[in-house]
All heavy atoms as atom14 arrays in JSON, in Angstrom:
{
  "sequence": "GARRLLGSPSVIGSLVRRRVEAETGLTCSVGGGATKFIAKMASGRAK",
  "atom14_mask": [
    [1, 1, 1, 1, 0, 0, 0, 0, 0, 0, 0, 0, 0, 0],
    [1, 1, 1, 1, 1, 0, 0, 0, 0, 0, 0, 0, 0, 0],
    [1, 1, 1, 1, 1, 1, 1, 1, 1, 1, 1, 0, 0, 0],
    [1, 1, 1, 1, 1, 1, 1, 1, 1, 1, 1, 0, 0, 0],
    [1, 1, 1, 1, 1, 1, 1, 1, 0, 0, 0, 0, 0, 0],
    [1, 1, 1, 1, 1, 1, 1, 1, 0, 0, 0, 0, 0, 0],
    [1, 1, 1, 1, 0, 0, 0, 0, 0, 0, 0, 0, 0, 0],
    [1, 1, 1, 1, 1, 1, 0, 0, 0, 0, 0, 0, 0, 0],
    [1, 1, 1, 1, 1, 1, 1, 0, 0, 0, 0, 0, 0, 0],
    [1, 1, 1, 1, 1, 1, 0, 0, 0, 0, 0, 0, 0, 0],
    [1, 1, 1, 1, 1, 1, 1, 0, 0, 0, 0, 0, 0, 0],
    [1, 1, 1, 1, 1, 1, 1, 1, 0, 0, 0, 0, 0, 0],
    [1, 1, 1, 1, 0, 0, 0, 0, 0, 0, 0, 0, 0, 0],
    [1, 1, 1, 1, 1, 1, 0, 0, 0, 0, 0, 0, 0, 0],
    [1, 1, 1, 1, 1, 1, 1, 1, 0, 0, 0, 0, 0, 0],
    [1, 1, 1, 1, 1, 1, 1, 0, 0, 0, 0, 0, 0, 0],
    [1, 1, 1, 1, 1, 1, 1, 1, 1, 1, 1, 0, 0, 0],
    [1, 1, 1, 1, 1, 1, 1, 1, 1, 1, 1, 0, 0, 0],
    [1, 1, 1, 1, 1, 1, 1, 1, 1, 1, 1, 0, 0, 0],
    [1, 1, 1, 1, 1, 1, 1, 0, 0, 0, 0, 0, 0, 0],
    [1, 1, 1, 1, 1, 1, 1, 1, 1, 0, 0, 0, 0, 0],
    [1, 1, 1, 1, 1, 0, 0, 0, 0, 0, 0, 0, 0, 0],
    [1, 1, 1, 1, 1, 1, 1, 1, 1, 0, 0, 0, 0, 0],
    [1, 1, 1, 1, 1, 1, 1, 0, 0, 0, 0, 0, 0, 0],
    [1, 1, 1, 1, 0, 0, 0, 0, 0, 0, 0, 0, 0, 0],
    [1, 1, 1, 1, 1, 1, 1, 1, 0, 0, 0, 0, 0, 0],
    [1, 1, 1, 1, 1, 1, 1, 0, 0, 0, 0, 0, 0, 0],
    [1, 1, 1, 1, 1, 1, 0, 0, 0, 0, 0, 0, 0, 0],
    [1, 1, 1, 1, 1, 1, 0, 0, 0, 0, 0, 0, 0, 0],
    [1, 1, 1, 1, 1, 1, 1, 0, 0, 0, 0, 0, 0, 0],
    [1, 1, 1, 1, 0, 0, 0, 0, 0, 0, 0, 0, 0, 0],
    [1, 1, 1, 1, 0, 0, 0, 0, 0, 0, 0, 0, 0, 0],
    [1, 1, 1, 1, 0, 0, 0, 0, 0, 0, 0, 0, 0, 0],
    [1, 1, 1, 1, 1, 0, 0, 0, 0, 0, 0, 0, 0, 0],
    [1, 1, 1, 1, 1, 1, 1, 0, 0, 0, 0, 0, 0, 0],
    [1, 1, 1, 1, 1, 1, 1, 1, 1, 0, 0, 0, 0, 0],
    [1, 1, 1, 1, 1, 1, 1, 1, 1, 1, 1, 0, 0, 0],
    [1, 1, 1, 1, 1, 1, 1, 1, 0, 0, 0, 0, 0, 0],
    [1, 1, 1, 1, 1, 0, 0, 0, 0, 0, 0, 0, 0, 0],
    [1, 1, 1, 1, 1, 1, 1, 1, 1, 0, 0, 0, 0, 0],
    [1, 1, 1, 1, 1, 1, 1, 1, 0, 0, 0, 0, 0, 0],
    [1, 1, 1, 1, 1, 0, 0, 0, 0, 0, 0, 0, 0, 0],
    [1, 1, 1, 1, 1, 1, 0, 0, 0, 0, 0, 0, 0, 0],
    [1, 1, 1, 1, 0, 0, 0, 0, 0, 0, 0, 0, 0, 0],
    [1, 1, 1, 1, 1, 1, 1, 1, 1, 1, 1, 0, 0, 0],
    [1, 1, 1, 1, 1, 0, 0, 0, 0, 0, 0, 0, 0, 0],
    [1, 1, 1, 1, 1, 1, 1, 1, 1, 0, 0, 0, 0, 0]
  ],
  "atom14_positions": [
    [[-91.5, -33.6, 7.23], [-92.38, -32.97, 8.22], [-92.69, -31.52, 7.93], [-93.56, -30.93, 8.57], [0.0, 0.0, 0.0], [0.0, 0.0, 0.0], [0.0, 0.0, 0.0], [0.0, 0.0, 0.0], [0.0, 0.0, 0.0], [0.0, 0.0, 0.0], [0.0, 0.0, 0.0], [0.0, 0.0, 0.0], [0.0, 0.0, 0.0], [0.0, 0.0, 0.0]],
    [[-91.98, -30.92, 6.98], [-92.19, -29.5, 6.66], [-93.16, -29.3, 5.5], [-93.53, -28.16, 5.2], [-90.85, -28.84, 6.32], [0.0, 0.0, 0.0], [0.0, 0.0, 0.0], [0.0, 0.0, 0.0], [0.0, 0.0, 0.0], [0.0, 0.0, 0.0], [0.0, 0.0, 0.0], [0.0, 0.0, 0.0], [0.0, 0.0, 0.0], [0.0, 0.0, 0.0]],
    [[-93.6, -30.38, 4.9], [-94.41, -30.25, 3.69], [-95.78, -29.62, 3.98], [-96.25, -28.79, 3.19], [-94.59, -31.62, 3.03], [-93.28, -32.22, 2.53], [-93.45, -33.58, 1.91], [-94.24, -33.51, 0.69], [-94.4, -34.54, -0.15], [-93.82, -35.69, 0.13], [-95.13, -34.42, -1.22], [0.0, 0.0, 0.0], [0.0, 0.0, 0.0], [0.0, 0.0, 0.0]],
    [[-96.4, -29.98, 5.11], [-97.72, -29.43, 5.41], [-97.64, -27.92, 5.62], [-98.54, -27.18, 5.2], [-98.3, -30.1, 6.65], [-99.66, -29.55, 7.06], [-100.28, -30.37, 8.17], [-100.57, -31.74, 7.71], [-101.12, -32.67, 8.48], [-101.44, -32.4, 9.74], [-101.34, -33.89, 8.01], [0.0, 0.0, 0.0], [0.0, 0.0, 0.0], [0.0, 0.0, 0.0]],
    [[-96.56, -27.45, 6.23], [-96.43, -26.02, 6.52], [-95.92, -25.23, 5.32], [-96.41, -24.13, 5.03], [-95.49, -25.83, 7.71], [-95.19, -24.39, 8.13], [-96.48, -23.71, 8.61], [-94.12, -24.36, 9.21], [0.0, 0.0, 0.0], [0.0, 0.0, 0.0], [0.0, 0.0, 0.0], [0.0, 0.0, 0.0], [0.0, 0.0, 0.0], [0.0, 0.0, 0.0]],
    [[-94.94, -25.79, 4.6], [-94.26, -25.01, 3.56], [-94.61, -25.41, 2.14], [-94.4, -24.62, 1.21], [-92.73, -25.12, 3.76], [-92.2, -24.58, 5.09], [-90.7, -24.82, 5.19], [-92.49, -23.08, 5.22], [0.0, 0.0, 0.0], [0.0, 0.0, 0.0], [0.0, 0.0, 0.0], [0.0, 0.0, 0.0], [0.0, 0.0, 0.0], [0.0, 0.0, 0.0]],
    [[-95.08, -26.64, 1.94], [-95.43, -27.06, 0.6], [-94.62, -28.24, 0.13], [-93.95, -28.92, 0.93], [0.0, 0.0, 0.0], [0.0, 0.0, 0.0], [0.0, 0.0, 0.0], [0.0, 0.0, 0.0], [0.0, 0.0, 0.0], [0.0, 0.0, 0.0], [0.0, 0.0, 0.0], [0.0, 0.0, 0.0], [0.0, 0.0, 0.0], [0.0, 0.0, 0.0]],
    [[-94.64, -28.49, -1.15], [-93.97, -29.64, -1.73], [-92.45, -29.48, -1.66], [-91.94, -28.38, -1.43], [-94.37, -29.79, -3.2], [-93.85, -28.69, -3.95], [0.0, 0.0, 0.0], [0.0, 0.0, 0.0], [0.0, 0.0, 0.0], [0.0, 0.0, 0.0], [0.0, 0.0, 0.0], [0.0, 0.0, 0.0], [0.0, 0.0, 0.0], [0.0, 0.0, 0.0]],
    [[-91.7, -30.58, -1.85], [-90.23, -30.46, -1.85], [-89.7, -29.44, -2.85], [-88.72, -28.75, -2.56], [-89.78, -31.89, -2.19], [-90.87, -32.76, -1.66], [-92.14, -31.99, -1.91], [0.0, 0.0, 0.0], [0.0, 0.0, 0.0], [0.0, 0.0, 0.0], [0.0, 0.0, 0.0], [0.0, 0.0, 0.0], [0.0, 0.0, 0.0], [0.0, 0.0, 0.0]],
    [[-90.35, -29.33, -4.0], [-89.88, -28.35, -4.99], [-90.1, -26.93, -4.48], [-89.24, -26.05, -4.68], [-90.59, -28.55, -6.33], [-91.99, -28.34, -6.19], [0.0, 0.0, 0.0], [0.0, 0.0, 0.0], [0.0, 0.0, 0.0], [0.0, 0.0, 0.0], [0.0, 0.0, 0.0], [0.0, 0.0, 0.0], [0.0, 0.0, 0.0], [0.0, 0.0, 0.0]],
    [[-91.19, -26.7, -3.8], [-91.46, -25.38, -3.21], [-90.43, -25.08, -2.12], [-89.89, -23.97, -2.03], [-92.89, -25.3, -2.66], [-93.08, -24.03, -1.83], [-93.9, -25.37, -3.8], [0.0, 0.0, 0.0], [0.0, 0.0, 0.0], [0.0, 0.0, 0.0], [0.0, 0.0, 0.0], [0.0, 0.0, 0.0], [0.0, 0.0, 0.0], [0.0, 0.0, 0.0]],
    [[-90.16, -26.09, -1.29], [-89.19, -25.91, -0.21], [-87.79, -25.67, -0.78], [-87.05, -24.78, -0.32], [-89.19, -27.13, 0.73], [-90.55, -27.24, 1.43], [-88.06, -27.03, 1.75], [-90.72, -28.52, 2.24], [0.0, 0.0, 0.0], [0.0, 0.0, 0.0], [0.0, 0.0, 0.0], [0.0, 0.0, 0.0], [0.0, 0.0, 0.0], [0.0, 0.0, 0.0]],
    [[-87.42, -26.44, -1.79], [-86.11, -26.26, -2.4], [-85.96, -24.87, -2.99], [-84.92, -24.22, -2.84], [0.0, 0.0, 0.0], [0.0, 0.0, 0.0], [0.0, 0.0, 0.0], [0.0, 0.0, 0.0], [0.0, 0.0, 0.0], [0.0, 0.0, 0.0], [0.0, 0.0, 0.0], [0.0, 0.0, 0.0], [0.0, 0.0, 0.0], [0.0, 0.0, 0.0]],
    [[-86.99, -24.4, -3.66], [-86.95, -23.05, -4.25], [-86.87, -21.99, -3.16], [-86.15, -20.98, -3.31], [-88.19, -22.82, -5.12], [-88.22, -23.72, -6.21], [0.0, 0.0, 0.0], [0.0, 0.0, 0.0], [0.0, 0.0, 0.0], [0.0, 0.0, 0.0], [0.0, 0.0, 0.0], [0.0, 0.0, 0.0], [0.0, 0.0, 0.0], [0.0, 0.0, 0.0]],
    [[-87.59, -22.21, -2.07], [-87.56, -21.27, -0.95], [-86.15, -21.17, -0.37], [-85.64, -20.07, -0.11], [-88.54, -21.73, 0.13], [-88.46, -21.01, 1.48], [-88.87, -19.55, 1.32], [-89.35, -21.71, 2.52], [0.0, 0.0, 0.0], [0.0, 0.0, 0.0], [0.0, 0.0, 0.0], [0.0, 0.0, 0.0], [0.0, 0.0, 0.0], [0.0, 0.0, 0.0]],
    [[-85.51, -22.3, -0.17], [-84.16, -22.31, 0.39], [-83.2, -21.57, -0.55], [-82.39, -20.73, -0.1], [-83.67, -23.75, 0.63], [-82.19, -23.76, 0.98], [-84.47, -24.4, 1.75], [0.0, 0.0, 0.0], [0.0, 0.0, 0.0], [0.0, 0.0, 0.0], [0.0, 0.0, 0.0], [0.0, 0.0, 0.0], [0.0, 0.0, 0.0], [0.0, 0.0, 0.0]],
    [[-83.28, -21.83, -1.83], [-82.38, -21.19, -2.79], [-82.58, -19.68, -2.78], [-81.6, -18.91, -2.81], [-82.6, -21.75, -4.19], [-82.23, -23.22, -4.32], [-82.41, -23.72, -5.75], [-81.49, -23.03, -6.63], [-81.82, -22.56, -7.84], [-83.05, -22.7, -8.29], [-80.93, -21.96, -8.59], [0.0, 0.0, 0.0], [0.0, 0.0, 0.0], [0.0, 0.0, 0.0]],
    [[-83.82, -19.23, -2.74], [-84.08, -17.79, -2.72], [-83.54, -17.15, -1.45], [-82.93, -16.08, -1.5], [-85.59, -17.52, -2.84], [-86.16, -17.76, -4.22], [-87.53, -17.09, -4.35], [-88.47, -17.53, -3.31], [-89.26, -18.59, -3.41], [-89.23, -19.33, -4.51], [-90.09, -18.91, -2.42], [0.0, 0.0, 0.0], [0.0, 0.0, 0.0], [0.0, 0.0, 0.0]],
    [[-83.78, -17.8, -0.31], [-83.32, -17.22, 0.95], [-81.8, -17.17, 1.03], [-81.22, -16.18, 1.5], [-83.89, -18.02, 2.13], [-85.34, -17.72, 2.44], [-85.7, -18.22, 3.84], [-84.85, -17.61, 4.87], [-84.91, -17.92, 6.15], [-85.77, -18.85, 6.57], [-84.12, -17.34, 7.03], [0.0, 0.0, 0.0], [0.0, 0.0, 0.0], [0.0, 0.0, 0.0]],
    [[-81.15, -18.24, 0.6], [-79.69, -18.26, 0.65], [-79.11, -17.12, -0.18], [-78.23, -16.38, 0.28], [-79.14, -19.61, 0.16], [-77.63, -19.53, -0.11], [-79.42, -20.72, 1.18], [0.0, 0.0, 0.0], [0.0, 0.0, 0.0], [0.0, 0.0, 0.0], [0.0, 0.0, 0.0], [0.0, 0.0, 0.0], [0.0, 0.0, 0.0], [0.0, 0.0, 0.0]],
    [[-79.64, -16.91, -1.38], [-79.11, -15.84, -2.23], [-79.45, -14.47, -1.67], [-78.62, -13.56, -1.67], [-79.64, -15.98, -3.65], [-79.02, -14.98, -4.61], [-79.24, -15.33, -6.07], [-80.1, -16.2, -6.35], [-78.56, -14.73, -6.92], [0.0, 0.0, 0.0], [0.0, 0.0, 0.0], [0.0, 0.0, 0.0], [0.0, 0.0, 0.0], [0.0, 0.0, 0.0]],
    [[-80.68, -14.3, -1.16], [-81.1, -13.0, -0.66], [-80.35, -12.61, 0.61], [-80.01, -11.44, 0.81], [-82.6, -13.01, -0.4], [0.0, 0.0, 0.0], [0.0, 0.0, 0.0], [0.0, 0.0, 0.0], [0.0, 0.0, 0.0], [0.0, 0.0, 0.0], [0.0, 0.0, 0.0], [0.0, 0.0, 0.0], [0.0, 0.0, 0.0], [0.0, 0.0, 0.0]],
    [[-80.06, -13.59, 1.47], [-79.48, -13.28, 2.77], [-77.96, -13.38, 2.82], [-77.33, -12.87, 3.76], [-80.1, -14.19, 3.84], [-81.6, -13.98, 4.01], [-82.24, -14.92, 5.0], [-81.55, -15.29, 5.99], [-83.43, -15.28, 4.81], [0.0, 0.0, 0.0], [0.0, 0.0, 0.0], [0.0, 0.0, 0.0], [0.0, 0.0, 0.0], [0.0, 0.0, 0.0]],
    [[-77.36, -14.04, 1.82], [-75.9, -14.17, 1.84], [-75.23, -13.71, 0.56], [-74.02, -13.47, 0.54], [-75.48, -15.64, 2.07], [-75.83, -16.44, 0.92], [-76.15, -16.21, 3.32], [0.0, 0.0, 0.0], [0.0, 0.0, 0.0], [0.0, 0.0, 0.0], [0.0, 0.0, 0.0], [0.0, 0.0, 0.0], [0.0, 0.0, 0.0], [0.0, 0.0, 0.0]],
    [[-76.0, -13.6, -0.54], [-75.4, -13.26, -1.82], [-74.79, -14.45, -2.52], [-74.17, -14.3, -3.59], [0.0, 0.0, 0.0], [0.0, 0.0, 0.0], [0.0, 0.0, 0.0], [0.0, 0.0, 0.0], [0.0, 0.0, 0.0], [0.0, 0.0, 0.0], [0.0, 0.0, 0.0], [0.0, 0.0, 0.0], [0.0, 0.0, 0.0], [0.0, 0.0, 0.0]],
    [[-74.95, -15.65, -1.97], [-74.37, -16.87, -2.53], [-75.45, -17.71, -3.2], [-76.64, -17.54, -2.94], [-73.7, -17.69, -1.42], [-72.64, -16.95, -0.6], [-72.21, -17.8, 0.59], [-71.44, -16.61, -1.47], [0.0, 0.0, 0.0], [0.0, 0.0, 0.0], [0.0, 0.0, 0.0], [0.0, 0.0, 0.0], [0.0, 0.0, 0.0], [0.0, 0.0, 0.0]],
    [[-75.03, -18.63, -4.06], [-75.97, -19.54, -4.7], [-75.69, -20.97, -4.25], [-74.59, -21.3, -3.81], [-75.87, -19.46, -6.23], [-74.56, -19.9, -6.65], [-76.12, -18.04, -6.72], [0.0, 0.0, 0.0], [0.0, 0.0, 0.0], [0.0, 0.0, 0.0], [0.0, 0.0, 0.0], [0.0, 0.0, 0.0], [0.0, 0.0, 0.0], [0.0, 0.0, 0.0]],
    [[-76.71, -21.8, -4.38], [-76.57, -23.21, -4.0], [-77.34, -24.06, -5.0], [-78.2, -23.58, -5.73], [-77.08, -23.46, -2.59], [-78.84, -23.09, -2.35], [0.0, 0.0, 0.0], [0.0, 0.0, 0.0], [0.0, 0.0, 0.0], [0.0, 0.0, 0.0], [0.0, 0.0, 0.0], [0.0, 0.0, 0.0], [0.0, 0.0, 0.0], [0.0, 0.0, 0.0]],
    [[-76.99, -25.33, -5.02], [-77.68, -26.3, -5.86], [-78.42, -27.29, -4.97], [-77.89, -27.7, -3.92], [-76.69, -27.04, -6.76], [-76.06, -26.14, -7.66], [0.0, 0.0, 0.0], [0.0, 0.0, 0.0], [0.0, 0.0, 0.0], [0.0, 0.0, 0.0], [0.0, 0.0, 0.0], [0.0, 0.0, 0.0], [0.0, 0.0, 0.0], [0.0, 0.0, 0.0]],
    [[-79.63, -27.65, -5.38], [-80.49, -28.49, -4.57], [-80.85, -29.76, -5.32], [-81.25, -29.71, -6.49], [-81.79, -27.74, -4.17], [-82.72, -28.66, -3.38], [-81.46, -26.49, -3.36], [0.0, 0.0, 0.0], [0.0, 0.0, 0.0], [0.0, 0.0, 0.0], [0.0, 0.0, 0.0], [0.0, 0.0, 0.0], [0.0, 0.0, 0.0], [0.0, 0.0, 0.0]],
    [[-80.68, -30.88, -4.66], [-81.13, -32.16, -5.2], [-82.12, -32.78, -4.24], [-82.0, -32.64, -3.03], [0.0, 0.0, 0.0], [0.0, 0.0, 0.0], [0.0, 0.0, 0.0], [0.0, 0.0, 0.0], [0.0, 0.0, 0.0], [0.0, 0.0, 0.0], [0.0, 0.0, 0.0], [0.0, 0.0, 0.0], [0.0, 0.0, 0.0], [0.0, 0.0, 0.0]],
    [[-83.12, -33.45, -4.78], [-84.12, -34.08, -3.94], [-84.41, -35.49, -4.39], [-84.33, -35.81, -5.59], [0.0, 0.0, 0.0], [0.0, 0.0, 0.0], [0.0, 0.0, 0.0], [0.0, 0.0, 0.0], [0.0, 0.0, 0.0], [0.0, 0.0, 0.0], [0.0, 0.0, 0.0], [0.0, 0.0, 0.0], [0.0, 0.0, 0.0], [0.0, 0.0, 0.0]],
    [[-84.72, -36.36, -3.45], [-85.04, -37.73, -3.78], [-85.59, -38.45, -2.56], [-85.65, -37.9, -1.46], [0.0, 0.0, 0.0], [0.0, 0.0, 0.0], [0.0, 0.0, 0.0], [0.0, 0.0, 0.0], [0.0, 0.0, 0.0], [0.0, 0.0, 0.0], [0.0, 0.0, 0.0], [0.0, 0.0, 0.0], [0.0, 0.0, 0.0], [0.0, 0.0, 0.0]],
    [[-85.96, -39.69, -2.77], [-86.53, -40.48, -1.68], [-85.47, -40.94, -0.7], [-85.78, -41.34, 0.42], [-87.28, -41.69, -2.25], [0.0, 0.0, 0.0], [0.0, 0.0, 0.0], [0.0, 0.0, 0.0], [0.0, 0.0, 0.0], [0.0, 0.0, 0.0], [0.0, 0.0, 0.0], [0.0, 0.0, 0.0], [0.0, 0.0, 0.0], [0.0, 0.0, 0.0]],
    [[-84.19, -40.89, -1.1], [-83.09, -41.33, -0.23], [-81.96, -40.3, -0.26], [-81.89, -39.45, -1.14], [-82.52, -42.69, -0.69], [-81.87, -42.51, -1.96], [-83.62, -43.74, -0.82], [0.0, 0.0, 0.0], [0.0, 0.0, 0.0], [0.0, 0.0, 0.0], [0.0, 0.0, 0.0], [0.0, 0.0, 0.0], [0.0, 0.0, 0.0], [0.0, 0.0, 0.0]],
    [[-81.07, -40.43, 0.7], [-79.9, -39.55, 0.74], [-79.07, -39.67, -0.54], [-78.63, -38.67, -1.11], [-79.01, -39.91, 1.94], [-79.46, -39.35, 3.27], [-78.41, -39.72, 4.32], [-78.63, -38.98, 5.63], [-77.6, -39.33, 6.63], [0.0, 0.0, 0.0], [0.0, 0.0, 0.0], [0.0, 0.0, 0.0], [0.0, 0.0, 0.0], [0.0, 0.0, 0.0]],
    [[-78.85, -40.9, -0.95], [-78.0, -41.13, -2.11], [-78.56, -40.46, -3.36], [-77.82, -39.78, -4.09], [-77.85, -42.65, -2.33], [-77.1, -43.0, -3.58], [-75.81, -42.55, -3.77], [-77.68, -43.8, -4.56], [-75.11, -42.88, -4.93], [-76.99, -44.14, -5.7], [-75.69, -43.67, -5.89], [0.0, 0.0, 0.0], [0.0, 0.0, 0.0], [0.0, 0.0, 0.0]],
    [[-79.84, -40.61, -3.61], [-80.44, -40.01, -4.79], [-80.43, -38.49, -4.69], [-80.15, -37.79, -5.67], [-81.88, -40.53, -4.99], [-81.87, -42.03, -5.24], [-82.56, -39.8, -6.14], [-81.09, -42.45, -6.48], [0.0, 0.0, 0.0], [0.0, 0.0, 0.0], [0.0, 0.0, 0.0], [0.0, 0.0, 0.0], [0.0, 0.0, 0.0], [0.0, 0.0, 0.0]],
    [[-80.67, -37.95, -3.49], [-80.66, -36.5, -3.32], [-79.28, -35.93, -3.63], [-79.16, -34.9, -4.3], [-81.08, -36.14, -1.9], [0.0, 0.0, 0.0], [0.0, 0.0, 0.0], [0.0, 0.0, 0.0], [0.0, 0.0, 0.0], [0.0, 0.0, 0.0], [0.0, 0.0, 0.0], [0.0, 0.0, 0.0], [0.0, 0.0, 0.0], [0.0, 0.0, 0.0]],
    [[-78.24, -36.59, -3.16], [-76.9, -36.1, -3.42], [-76.53, -36.23, -4.89], [-75.9, -35.34, -5.47], [-75.88, -36.85, -2.55], [-74.47, -36.28, -2.65], [-73.56, -36.84, -1.59], [-72.12, -36.38, -1.78], [-71.96, -34.92, -1.66], [0.0, 0.0, 0.0], [0.0, 0.0, 0.0], [0.0, 0.0, 0.0], [0.0, 0.0, 0.0], [0.0, 0.0, 0.0]],
    [[-76.92, -37.33, -5.51], [-76.68, -37.48, -6.94], [-77.38, -36.37, -7.72], [-76.82, -35.8, -8.66], [-77.2, -38.85, -7.4], [-76.44, -40.02, -6.83], [-74.91, -40.36, -7.69], [-75.56, -40.94, -9.24], [0.0, 0.0, 0.0], [0.0, 0.0, 0.0], [0.0, 0.0, 0.0], [0.0, 0.0, 0.0], [0.0, 0.0, 0.0], [0.0, 0.0, 0.0]],
    [[-78.59, -36.06, -7.32], [-79.38, -35.05, -8.03], [-78.77, -33.66, -7.89], [-78.73, -32.88, -8.85], [-80.82, -35.05, -7.52], [0.0, 0.0, 0.0], [0.0, 0.0, 0.0], [0.0, 0.0, 0.0], [0.0, 0.0, 0.0], [0.0, 0.0, 0.0], [0.0, 0.0, 0.0], [0.0, 0.0, 0.0], [0.0, 0.0, 0.0], [0.0, 0.0, 0.0]],
    [[-78.27, -33.32, -6.71], [-77.67, -32.0, -6.53], [-76.41, -31.85, -7.39], [-76.13, -30.77, -7.91], [-77.34, -31.73, -5.06], [-76.27, -32.54, -4.62], [0.0, 0.0, 0.0], [0.0, 0.0, 0.0], [0.0, 0.0, 0.0], [0.0, 0.0, 0.0], [0.0, 0.0, 0.0], [0.0, 0.0, 0.0], [0.0, 0.0, 0.0], [0.0, 0.0, 0.0]],
    [[-75.67, -32.94, -7.53], [-74.5, -32.9, -8.4], [-74.87, -32.64, -9.85], [-74.17, -31.91, -10.57], [0.0, 0.0, 0.0], [0.0, 0.0, 0.0], [0.0, 0.0, 0.0], [0.0, 0.0, 0.0], [0.0, 0.0, 0.0], [0.0, 0.0, 0.0], [0.0, 0.0, 0.0], [0.0, 0.0, 0.0], [0.0, 0.0, 0.0], [0.0, 0.0, 0.0]],
    [[-75.98, -33.24, -10.28], [-76.44, -33.03, -11.66], [-77.02, -31.63, -11.84], [-77.1, -31.14, -12.96], [-77.51, -34.08, -12.0], [-77.02, -35.52, -12.0], [-76.19, -35.83, -13.23], [-77.0, -35.77, -14.43], [-77.73, -36.78, -14.92], [-77.76, -37.93, -14.25], [-78.42, -36.65, -16.03], [0.0, 0.0, 0.0], [0.0, 0.0, 0.0], [0.0, 0.0, 0.0]],
    [[-77.45, -30.98, -10.74], [-78.08, -29.66, -10.83], [-77.07, -28.53, -10.84], [-77.43, -27.38, -11.1], [-79.05, -29.47, -9.66], [0.0, 0.0, 0.0], [0.0, 0.0, 0.0], [0.0, 0.0, 0.0], [0.0, 0.0, 0.0], [0.0, 0.0, 0.0], [0.0, 0.0, 0.0], [0.0, 0.0, 0.0], [0.0, 0.0, 0.0], [0.0, 0.0, 0.0]],
    [[-75.81, -28.8, -10.56], [-74.81, -27.74, -10.46], [-74.48, -27.12, -11.81], [-74.49, -27.82, -12.82], [-73.53, -28.29, -9.83], [-73.62, -28.39, -8.33], [-72.29, -28.72, -7.73], [-72.28, -28.42, -6.25], [-72.41, -27.01, -5.94], [0.0, 0.0, 0.0], [0.0, 0.0, 0.0], [0.0, 0.0, 0.0], [0.0, 0.0, 0.0], [0.0, 0.0, 0.0]]
  ]
}
């Protein structure tokens, strides 16, 4: 539901990563997919 306002999942994922680092000083890994399982698998591969 956020795609129309913020953009594609890759844009949203990049936005979240930038904000987390800018506002907390921490880093995070993001995975995306059509299902929960694939998203979690992808984030593990992105670490």
